[in-house]
Amino acid sequence: MPAHDTTTREDDAPQRFVPRATPETQPYWDGAAAGELRVTSCRACDRPFFYPRSSCPRCGSSDITWITCSGRATLYSYVISARPAPGFDAPTVIAVVELEEGPRMMTNVVGVEPEPENLPLDLALRVTFEQRGDMAVPVFTPDAERGVR
């Protein structure tokens, strides 16, 4: 079976993609398992950033730490995918969200009908976690208490 195949041998049903932690991303996935959204932050310039890496994209410092985010974000951009990826239902909202702390991250928006009128830019979102295999994956849902920013 090819490495990219997402079907099982038993029933040939598509399975959802399950991410794999690396040494660089393990604190991110440990946070997700604990119900926390974590990102890396530079101690030299005090800037959080996402995706996890060993040096700051702003100043180049390798003095990096992990911080726990508030879990609040706003919808920056999105696409409604009408074609299902293996293991996903269609339509699916694939989005870029801007975390309250500043970094942007790619994710899915769930808990809302995938129609443009339900997804205004700057829509207030909050993180929730979707279980995929033994991994908790951060996804975002509308935050009714905050509405549109």
N, C-alpha and C. Protein backbone atom coordinates (compact mmCIF):
# COMPACT_ATOMS: atom_id res chain seq x y z
N MET A 1 0.86 -1.17 0.00
CA MET A 1 0.00 0.00 0.00
C MET A 1 0.91 1.24 0.00
N PRO A 2 0.69 2.21 -0.89
CA PRO A 2 1.53 3.41 -0.93
C PRO A 2 1.44 4.20 0.37
N ALA A 3 2.49 4.95 0.67
CA ALA A 3 2.55 5.73 1.90
C ALA A 3 1.45 6.78 1.98
N HIS A 4 0.99 7.27 0.85
CA HIS A 4 -0.03 8.33 0.85
C HIS A 4 -1.45 7.80 0.86
N ASP A 5 -1.63 6.49 0.78
CA ASP A 5 -2.96 5.91 0.75
C ASP A 5 -3.61 6.07 2.12
N THR A 6 -4.87 6.46 2.13
CA THR A 6 -5.56 6.69 3.40
C THR A 6 -6.71 5.71 3.61
N THR A 7 -6.67 4.55 2.94
CA THR A 7 -7.73 3.57 3.13
C THR A 7 -7.22 2.45 4.02
N THR A 8 -8.15 1.77 4.66
CA THR A 8 -7.78 0.63 5.49
C THR A 8 -7.93 -0.64 4.66
N ARG A 9 -7.20 -1.65 5.01
CA ARG A 9 -7.29 -2.92 4.30
C ARG A 9 -8.59 -3.65 4.65
N GLU A 10 -9.09 -3.46 5.87
CA GLU A 10 -10.25 -4.22 6.33
C GLU A 10 -11.53 -3.85 5.57
N ASP A 11 -11.83 -2.59 5.47
CA ASP A 11 -13.11 -2.21 4.87
C ASP A 11 -12.98 -1.24 3.72
N ASP A 12 -11.77 -0.85 3.36
CA ASP A 12 -11.51 0.06 2.25
C ASP A 12 -12.18 1.42 2.43
N ALA A 13 -12.58 1.75 3.66
CA ALA A 13 -13.20 3.06 3.93
C ALA A 13 -12.10 4.10 4.11
N PRO A 14 -12.29 5.29 3.56
CA PRO A 14 -11.28 6.33 3.75
C PRO A 14 -11.15 6.71 5.22
N GLN A 15 -9.94 6.96 5.65
CA GLN A 15 -9.66 7.34 7.02
C GLN A 15 -9.16 8.78 7.05
N ARG A 16 -9.51 9.49 8.10
CA ARG A 16 -9.02 10.87 8.26
C ARG A 16 -7.52 10.88 8.47
N PHE A 17 -6.89 11.89 7.92
CA PHE A 17 -5.46 12.09 8.08
C PHE A 17 -5.14 12.24 9.56
N VAL A 18 -4.17 11.51 10.04
CA VAL A 18 -3.71 11.62 11.42
C VAL A 18 -2.30 12.18 11.38
N PRO A 19 -2.09 13.37 11.94
CA PRO A 19 -0.75 13.97 11.91
C PRO A 19 0.24 13.17 12.75
N ARG A 20 1.51 13.34 12.43
CA ARG A 20 2.57 12.70 13.19
C ARG A 20 3.43 13.79 13.83
N ALA A 21 3.68 13.62 15.10
CA ALA A 21 4.54 14.58 15.81
C ALA A 21 6.00 14.34 15.43
N THR A 22 6.75 15.43 15.39
CA THR A 22 8.20 15.38 15.21
C THR A 22 8.81 15.97 16.49
N PRO A 23 10.10 15.84 16.68
CA PRO A 23 10.69 16.46 17.87
C PRO A 23 10.39 17.97 17.96
N GLU A 24 10.36 18.65 16.81
CA GLU A 24 10.09 20.10 16.81
C GLU A 24 8.64 20.42 17.14
N THR A 25 7.72 19.53 16.79
CA THR A 25 6.29 19.82 17.00
C THR A 25 5.69 19.11 18.21
N GLN A 26 6.45 18.27 18.90
CA GLN A 26 5.89 17.50 20.02
C GLN A 26 5.22 18.38 21.07
N PRO A 27 5.80 19.54 21.48
CA PRO A 27 5.11 20.38 22.47
C PRO A 27 3.75 20.90 21.96
N TYR A 28 3.64 21.14 20.67
CA TYR A 28 2.37 21.57 20.07
C TYR A 28 1.32 20.47 20.25
N TRP A 29 1.69 19.24 19.90
CA TRP A 29 0.75 18.12 19.99
C TRP A 29 0.47 17.74 21.44
N ASP A 30 1.46 17.87 22.32
CA ASP A 30 1.21 17.64 23.75
C ASP A 30 0.19 18.64 24.28
N GLY A 31 0.31 19.89 23.85
CA GLY A 31 -0.66 20.91 24.24
C GLY A 31 -2.04 20.57 23.75
N ALA A 32 -2.14 20.17 22.48
CA ALA A 32 -3.44 19.82 21.91
C ALA A 32 -4.07 18.68 22.69
N ALA A 33 -3.28 17.68 23.07
CA ALA A 33 -3.80 16.56 23.85
C ALA A 33 -4.34 17.02 25.20
N ALA A 34 -3.77 18.12 25.72
CA ALA A 34 -4.21 18.68 27.01
C ALA A 34 -5.30 19.74 26.83
N GLY A 35 -5.77 19.94 25.58
CA GLY A 35 -6.80 20.95 25.33
C GLY A 35 -6.26 22.36 25.27
N GLU A 36 -4.97 22.51 24.96
CA GLU A 36 -4.33 23.83 24.86
C GLU A 36 -3.78 24.04 23.46
N LEU A 37 -3.91 25.26 22.96
CA LEU A 37 -3.30 25.64 21.70
C LEU A 37 -1.98 26.32 22.02
N ARG A 38 -0.88 25.73 21.58
CA ARG A 38 0.45 26.28 21.86
C ARG A 38 1.13 26.71 20.57
N VAL A 39 1.89 27.79 20.66
CA VAL A 39 2.72 28.24 19.55
C VAL A 39 4.10 28.59 20.09
N THR A 40 5.05 28.70 19.19
CA THR A 40 6.39 29.10 19.59
C THR A 40 6.45 30.62 19.67
N SER A 41 7.35 31.11 20.53
CA SER A 41 7.52 32.55 20.71
C SER A 41 9.00 32.84 20.90
N CYS A 42 9.43 33.96 20.32
CA CYS A 42 10.82 34.37 20.41
C CYS A 42 11.03 35.17 21.69
N ARG A 43 12.01 34.78 22.47
CA ARG A 43 12.33 35.52 23.70
C ARG A 43 13.07 36.81 23.38
N ALA A 44 13.80 36.85 22.27
CA ALA A 44 14.59 38.03 21.93
C ALA A 44 13.71 39.20 21.48
N CYS A 45 12.72 38.94 20.63
CA CYS A 45 11.88 40.04 20.13
C CYS A 45 10.45 39.96 20.64
N ASP A 46 10.16 38.97 21.50
CA ASP A 46 8.86 38.82 22.13
C ASP A 46 7.73 38.66 21.12
N ARG A 47 7.98 37.91 20.04
CA ARG A 47 6.97 37.67 19.02
C ARG A 47 6.60 36.20 18.94
N PRO A 48 5.31 35.89 19.08
CA PRO A 48 4.88 34.51 18.85
C PRO A 48 4.82 34.24 17.35
N PHE A 49 5.01 32.99 16.97
CA PHE A 49 4.92 32.64 15.55
C PHE A 49 4.44 31.20 15.39
N PHE A 50 3.92 30.95 14.24
CA PHE A 50 3.43 29.62 13.88
C PHE A 50 3.75 29.43 12.41
N TYR A 51 4.31 28.42 12.05
CA TYR A 51 4.49 27.06 12.43
C TYR A 51 5.74 26.93 13.30
N PRO A 52 5.83 25.87 14.11
CA PRO A 52 6.98 25.70 14.99
C PRO A 52 8.27 25.53 14.20
N ARG A 53 9.30 26.24 14.61
CA ARG A 53 10.63 26.10 14.01
C ARG A 53 11.68 26.53 15.02
N SER A 54 12.93 26.27 14.70
CA SER A 54 14.00 26.44 15.67
C SER A 54 14.56 27.86 15.75
N SER A 55 14.16 28.74 14.83
CA SER A 55 14.62 30.13 14.91
C SER A 55 13.48 31.07 14.55
N CYS A 56 13.56 32.28 15.08
CA CYS A 56 12.52 33.28 14.88
C CYS A 56 12.52 33.77 13.43
N PRO A 57 11.37 33.79 12.78
CA PRO A 57 11.31 34.27 11.40
C PRO A 57 11.49 35.79 11.30
N ARG A 58 11.36 36.48 12.43
CA ARG A 58 11.48 37.94 12.42
C ARG A 58 12.92 38.40 12.66
N CYS A 59 13.54 37.88 13.73
CA CYS A 59 14.88 38.38 14.09
C CYS A 59 15.98 37.33 13.96
N GLY A 60 15.61 36.07 13.73
CA GLY A 60 16.60 35.02 13.55
C GLY A 60 17.12 34.39 14.82
N SER A 61 16.68 34.87 15.97
CA SER A 61 17.15 34.32 17.24
C SER A 61 16.73 32.86 17.39
N SER A 62 17.56 32.09 18.05
CA SER A 62 17.21 30.70 18.36
C SER A 62 16.75 30.56 19.82
N ASP A 63 16.52 31.70 20.50
CA ASP A 63 16.03 31.70 21.88
C ASP A 63 14.50 31.61 21.83
N ILE A 64 14.01 30.39 21.67
CA ILE A 64 12.60 30.13 21.41
C ILE A 64 11.98 29.42 22.61
N THR A 65 10.73 29.74 22.90
CA THR A 65 9.98 29.06 23.94
C THR A 65 8.58 28.76 23.42
N TRP A 66 7.83 27.98 24.16
CA TRP A 66 6.44 27.67 23.82
C TRP A 66 5.52 28.46 24.74
N ILE A 67 4.43 29.00 24.18
CA ILE A 67 3.42 29.69 24.97
C ILE A 67 2.06 29.06 24.71
N THR A 68 1.18 29.17 25.68
CA THR A 68 -0.19 28.71 25.52
C THR A 68 -1.04 29.89 25.09
N CYS A 69 -1.75 29.72 24.00
CA CYS A 69 -2.59 30.80 23.46
C CYS A 69 -3.96 30.82 24.14
N SER A 70 -4.66 31.91 23.94
CA SER A 70 -6.00 32.08 24.51
C SER A 70 -7.02 31.16 23.85
N GLY A 71 -6.74 30.75 22.61
CA GLY A 71 -7.70 29.94 21.85
C GLY A 71 -8.67 30.79 21.05
N ARG A 72 -8.54 32.12 21.15
CA ARG A 72 -9.41 33.02 20.38
C ARG A 72 -8.71 33.41 19.08
N ALA A 73 -9.52 33.52 18.02
CA ALA A 73 -8.98 33.87 16.71
C ALA A 73 -10.06 34.55 15.90
N THR A 74 -9.67 35.09 14.76
CA THR A 74 -10.63 35.63 13.80
C THR A 74 -10.37 34.99 12.45
N LEU A 75 -11.41 34.90 11.66
CA LEU A 75 -11.31 34.32 10.33
C LEU A 75 -10.60 35.30 9.41
N TYR A 76 -9.47 34.90 8.87
CA TYR A 76 -8.68 35.76 7.99
C TYR A 76 -9.00 35.48 6.52
N SER A 77 -9.12 34.21 6.17
CA SER A 77 -9.41 33.80 4.80
C SER A 77 -9.91 32.36 4.84
N TYR A 78 -10.61 31.95 3.80
CA TYR A 78 -11.09 30.57 3.76
C TYR A 78 -11.47 30.18 2.34
N VAL A 79 -11.63 28.88 2.17
CA VAL A 79 -12.19 28.31 0.95
C VAL A 79 -13.12 27.19 1.40
N ILE A 80 -14.21 27.05 0.70
CA ILE A 80 -15.11 25.93 0.95
C ILE A 80 -14.78 24.88 -0.10
N SER A 81 -14.24 23.77 0.34
CA SER A 81 -13.84 22.70 -0.57
C SER A 81 -15.04 21.79 -0.81
N ALA A 82 -15.49 21.75 -2.06
CA ALA A 82 -16.64 20.94 -2.42
C ALA A 82 -16.25 19.49 -2.71
N ARG A 83 -14.96 19.26 -2.95
CA ARG A 83 -14.48 17.90 -3.23
C ARG A 83 -13.84 17.34 -1.97
N PRO A 84 -14.32 16.21 -1.52
CA PRO A 84 -13.77 15.68 -0.27
C PRO A 84 -12.37 15.11 -0.45
N ALA A 85 -11.50 15.45 0.48
CA ALA A 85 -10.21 14.77 0.58
C ALA A 85 -10.49 13.42 1.24
N PRO A 86 -9.63 12.44 1.05
CA PRO A 86 -9.89 11.13 1.67
C PRO A 86 -10.15 11.26 3.17
N GLY A 87 -11.28 10.70 3.59
CA GLY A 87 -11.63 10.71 5.00
C GLY A 87 -12.35 11.96 5.47
N PHE A 88 -12.57 12.92 4.60
CA PHE A 88 -13.26 14.16 4.97
C PHE A 88 -14.59 14.24 4.25
N ASP A 89 -15.55 14.85 4.90
CA ASP A 89 -16.83 15.11 4.26
C ASP A 89 -16.71 16.36 3.42
N ALA A 90 -17.56 16.48 2.45
CA ALA A 90 -17.63 17.71 1.67
C ALA A 90 -19.02 18.28 1.86
N PRO A 91 -19.13 19.55 1.88
CA PRO A 91 -18.07 20.55 1.81
C PRO A 91 -17.34 20.71 3.15
N THR A 92 -16.09 21.14 3.05
CA THR A 92 -15.23 21.37 4.21
C THR A 92 -14.71 22.80 4.15
N VAL A 93 -14.67 23.48 5.28
CA VAL A 93 -14.12 24.84 5.33
C VAL A 93 -12.65 24.74 5.72
N ILE A 94 -11.79 25.11 4.77
CA ILE A 94 -10.34 25.18 5.00
C ILE A 94 -10.04 26.65 5.19
N ALA A 95 -9.42 27.00 6.30
CA ALA A 95 -9.29 28.41 6.65
C ALA A 95 -7.90 28.78 7.12
N VAL A 96 -7.63 30.07 7.02
CA VAL A 96 -6.50 30.69 7.71
C VAL A 96 -7.12 31.57 8.78
N VAL A 97 -6.73 31.34 10.03
CA VAL A 97 -7.24 32.15 11.13
C VAL A 97 -6.09 32.95 11.71
N GLU A 98 -6.44 34.12 12.24
CA GLU A 98 -5.44 34.94 12.93
C GLU A 98 -5.68 34.81 14.42
N LEU A 99 -4.70 34.24 15.10
CA LEU A 99 -4.81 34.06 16.55
C LEU A 99 -4.77 35.41 17.25
N GLU A 100 -5.43 35.51 18.38
CA GLU A 100 -5.43 36.74 19.17
C GLU A 100 -3.99 37.18 19.47
N GLU A 101 -3.09 36.24 19.60
CA GLU A 101 -1.69 36.54 19.89
C GLU A 101 -0.92 37.02 18.66
N GLY A 102 -1.50 36.93 17.47
CA GLY A 102 -0.86 37.46 16.27
C GLY A 102 -0.60 36.50 15.14
N PRO A 103 -0.07 35.30 15.40
CA PRO A 103 0.23 34.40 14.28
C PRO A 103 -1.03 33.95 13.54
N ARG A 104 -0.83 33.59 12.30
CA ARG A 104 -1.90 33.01 11.49
C ARG A 104 -1.60 31.53 11.32
N MET A 105 -2.66 30.73 11.25
CA MET A 105 -2.48 29.30 11.04
C MET A 105 -3.57 28.74 10.16
N MET A 106 -3.23 27.72 9.39
CA MET A 106 -4.21 27.02 8.57
C MET A 106 -4.90 25.98 9.43
N THR A 107 -6.21 25.84 9.22
CA THR A 107 -7.01 24.95 10.06
C THR A 107 -8.32 24.67 9.34
N ASN A 108 -9.24 24.06 10.03
CA ASN A 108 -10.61 23.90 9.54
C ASN A 108 -11.55 24.66 10.46
N VAL A 109 -12.63 25.17 9.88
CA VAL A 109 -13.70 25.78 10.66
C VAL A 109 -14.84 24.77 10.66
N VAL A 110 -15.31 24.43 11.85
CA VAL A 110 -16.37 23.44 12.02
C VAL A 110 -17.52 24.06 12.81
N GLY A 111 -18.63 23.36 12.86
CA GLY A 111 -19.74 23.82 13.68
C GLY A 111 -20.56 24.92 13.06
N VAL A 112 -20.44 25.08 11.74
CA VAL A 112 -21.20 26.09 11.02
C VAL A 112 -21.48 25.55 9.62
N GLU A 113 -22.66 25.86 9.09
CA GLU A 113 -22.96 25.45 7.72
C GLU A 113 -21.94 26.11 6.78
N PRO A 114 -21.31 25.34 5.92
CA PRO A 114 -20.27 25.89 5.04
C PRO A 114 -20.84 26.69 3.87
N GLU A 115 -21.36 27.85 4.19
CA GLU A 115 -21.91 28.79 3.20
C GLU A 115 -21.25 30.14 3.43
N PRO A 116 -20.93 30.87 2.37
CA PRO A 116 -20.25 32.17 2.53
C PRO A 116 -20.95 33.12 3.49
N GLU A 117 -22.27 33.14 3.50
CA GLU A 117 -22.98 34.07 4.39
C GLU A 117 -22.77 33.74 5.87
N ASN A 118 -22.34 32.53 6.16
CA ASN A 118 -22.06 32.13 7.55
C ASN A 118 -20.61 32.34 7.96
N LEU A 119 -19.78 32.79 7.00
CA LEU A 119 -18.34 32.88 7.24
C LEU A 119 -17.79 34.26 6.87
N PRO A 120 -18.31 35.32 7.49
CA PRO A 120 -17.76 36.64 7.17
C PRO A 120 -16.32 36.76 7.66
N LEU A 121 -15.50 37.44 6.89
CA LEU A 121 -14.13 37.68 7.34
C LEU A 121 -14.19 38.43 8.66
N ASP A 122 -13.24 38.18 9.53
CA ASP A 122 -13.18 38.71 10.89
C ASP A 122 -14.17 38.04 11.84
N LEU A 123 -14.81 36.95 11.40
CA LEU A 123 -15.68 36.20 12.29
C LEU A 123 -14.88 35.74 13.51
N ALA A 124 -15.42 35.97 14.68
CA ALA A 124 -14.75 35.53 15.92
C ALA A 124 -14.85 34.01 16.03
N LEU A 125 -13.72 33.40 16.34
CA LEU A 125 -13.63 31.95 16.45
C LEU A 125 -12.97 31.56 17.76
N ARG A 126 -13.19 30.32 18.15
CA ARG A 126 -12.48 29.78 19.31
C ARG A 126 -12.03 28.36 18.96
N VAL A 127 -10.93 27.97 19.57
CA VAL A 127 -10.37 26.66 19.28
C VAL A 127 -11.18 25.56 19.97
N THR A 128 -11.25 24.46 19.31
CA THR A 128 -11.76 23.22 19.88
C THR A 128 -10.87 22.12 19.31
N PHE A 129 -11.00 20.93 19.81
CA PHE A 129 -10.08 19.87 19.38
C PHE A 129 -10.86 18.67 18.87
N GLU A 130 -10.43 18.19 17.72
CA GLU A 130 -11.06 17.05 17.06
C GLU A 130 -10.12 15.85 17.22
N GLN A 131 -10.64 14.76 17.71
CA GLN A 131 -9.81 13.57 17.91
C GLN A 131 -9.66 12.82 16.59
N ARG A 132 -8.42 12.56 16.20
CA ARG A 132 -8.11 11.76 15.01
C ARG A 132 -7.10 10.71 15.43
N GLY A 133 -7.56 9.49 15.50
CA GLY A 133 -6.69 8.44 16.02
C GLY A 133 -6.30 8.79 17.44
N ASP A 134 -5.01 8.78 17.72
CA ASP A 134 -4.56 9.14 19.08
C ASP A 134 -4.10 10.59 19.18
N MET A 135 -4.42 11.40 18.16
CA MET A 135 -4.01 12.81 18.13
C MET A 135 -5.23 13.72 18.26
N ALA A 136 -5.08 14.80 19.03
CA ALA A 136 -6.09 15.86 19.10
C ALA A 136 -5.64 16.95 18.14
N VAL A 137 -6.52 17.32 17.22
CA VAL A 137 -6.18 18.30 16.18
C VAL A 137 -6.97 19.58 16.43
N PRO A 138 -6.30 20.74 16.53
CA PRO A 138 -7.01 21.99 16.73
C PRO A 138 -7.83 22.37 15.49
N VAL A 139 -9.09 22.67 15.70
CA VAL A 139 -9.98 23.22 14.69
C VAL A 139 -10.69 24.40 15.36
N PHE A 140 -11.38 25.20 14.57
CA PHE A 140 -12.03 26.38 15.14
C PHE A 140 -13.51 26.38 14.85
N THR A 141 -14.26 26.97 15.77
CA THR A 141 -15.70 27.07 15.65
C THR A 141 -16.10 28.52 15.95
N PRO A 142 -17.22 28.99 15.39
CA PRO A 142 -17.64 30.37 15.68
C PRO A 142 -17.83 30.58 17.18
N ASP A 143 -17.42 31.75 17.63
CA ASP A 143 -17.54 32.14 19.03
C ASP A 143 -18.71 33.12 19.12
N ALA A 144 -19.89 32.59 19.44
CA ALA A 144 -21.12 33.39 19.45
C ALA A 144 -21.04 34.58 20.40
N GLU A 145 -20.27 34.45 21.47
CA GLU A 145 -20.16 35.54 22.45
C GLU A 145 -19.44 36.76 21.87
N ARG A 146 -18.56 36.54 20.90
CA ARG A 146 -17.78 37.65 20.34
C ARG A 146 -18.27 38.11 18.97
N GLY A 147 -18.97 37.27 18.21
CA GLY A 147 -19.50 37.67 16.90
C GLY A 147 -18.42 38.03 15.91
N VAL A 148 -18.66 39.09 15.11
CA VAL A 148 -17.68 39.57 14.13
C VAL A 148 -16.89 40.68 14.77
N ARG A 149 -15.58 40.65 14.60
CA ARG A 149 -14.71 41.65 15.21
C ARG A 149 -14.81 42.96 14.48
